[in-house]
Amino acid sequence: MKLSCRQASRLISASQDRPLSQWEYVRLRVHLFMCGNCRNFSQQLKQLSEAARRAGRGE
């Protein structure tokens, strides 16, 4: 079953809080392979999370 961008963004966000199931992971990877907008969102969210961690450590 194909993921919509909305579903993909929810899985991207969820992956920050918990490990995705194998099925969720595979579906998300396929979607990210095909969707540049969601790939960008995923990278931006990772960068934001890393910046927040660094800020929390006082870096």
Protein backbone atom coordinates (compact mmCIF):
# COMPACT_ATOMS: atom_id res chain seq x y z
CA MET A 1 0.00 0.00 0.00
CA LYS A 2 1.36 3.39 -1.01
CA LEU A 3 1.94 6.07 1.64
CA SER A 4 0.65 9.59 1.20
CA CYS A 5 2.95 12.46 2.10
CA ARG A 6 0.82 13.10 5.20
CA GLN A 7 1.26 9.50 6.34
CA ALA A 8 4.98 9.65 5.57
CA SER A 9 5.42 12.85 7.58
CA ARG A 10 3.68 11.22 10.54
CA LEU A 11 6.02 8.22 10.33
CA ILE A 12 9.04 10.52 10.01
CA SER A 13 7.95 12.33 13.16
CA ALA A 14 7.15 9.08 14.97
CA SER A 15 10.61 7.73 14.13
CA GLN A 16 12.07 10.50 16.31
CA ASP A 17 10.24 9.07 19.34
CA ARG A 18 10.18 5.33 18.75
CA PRO A 19 11.60 2.65 16.49
CA LEU A 20 9.39 2.02 13.48
CA SER A 21 8.10 -1.46 12.81
CA GLN A 22 9.77 -3.26 9.95
CA TRP A 23 6.71 -2.70 7.75
CA GLU A 24 6.55 1.03 8.61
CA TYR A 25 10.26 1.39 7.91
CA VAL A 26 10.07 -0.30 4.50
CA ARG A 27 7.02 1.70 3.43
CA LEU A 28 8.66 4.95 4.54
CA ARG A 29 11.95 4.18 2.78
CA VAL A 30 10.11 3.46 -0.49
CA HIS A 31 8.19 6.72 -0.16
CA LEU A 32 11.33 8.72 0.64
CA PHE A 33 13.07 7.21 -2.39
CA MET A 34 10.33 8.61 -4.59
CA CYS A 35 9.43 11.89 -2.84
CA GLY A 36 11.95 14.71 -2.63
CA ASN A 37 9.70 16.88 -0.48
CA CYS A 38 9.42 14.22 2.21
CA ARG A 39 13.17 13.52 1.96
CA ASN A 40 13.78 17.22 2.64
CA PHE A 41 11.34 17.18 5.56
CA SER A 42 13.09 14.14 7.02
CA GLN A 43 16.52 15.80 6.77
CA GLN A 44 15.23 19.06 8.24
CA LEU A 45 13.64 17.26 11.19
CA LYS A 46 16.89 15.37 11.86
CA GLN A 47 18.86 18.64 11.79
CA LEU A 48 16.37 20.31 14.11
CA SER A 49 16.55 17.40 16.56
CA GLU A 50 20.35 17.47 16.53
CA ALA A 51 20.37 21.24 17.11
CA ALA A 52 17.96 20.86 20.02
CA ARG A 53 20.17 18.15 21.58
CA ARG A 54 23.26 20.34 21.21
CA ALA A 55 21.43 23.32 22.72
CA GLY A 56 20.32 21.15 25.63
CA ARG A 57 23.96 20.28 26.31
CA GLY A 58 24.93 23.95 26.13
CA GLU A 59 26.95 23.67 22.91
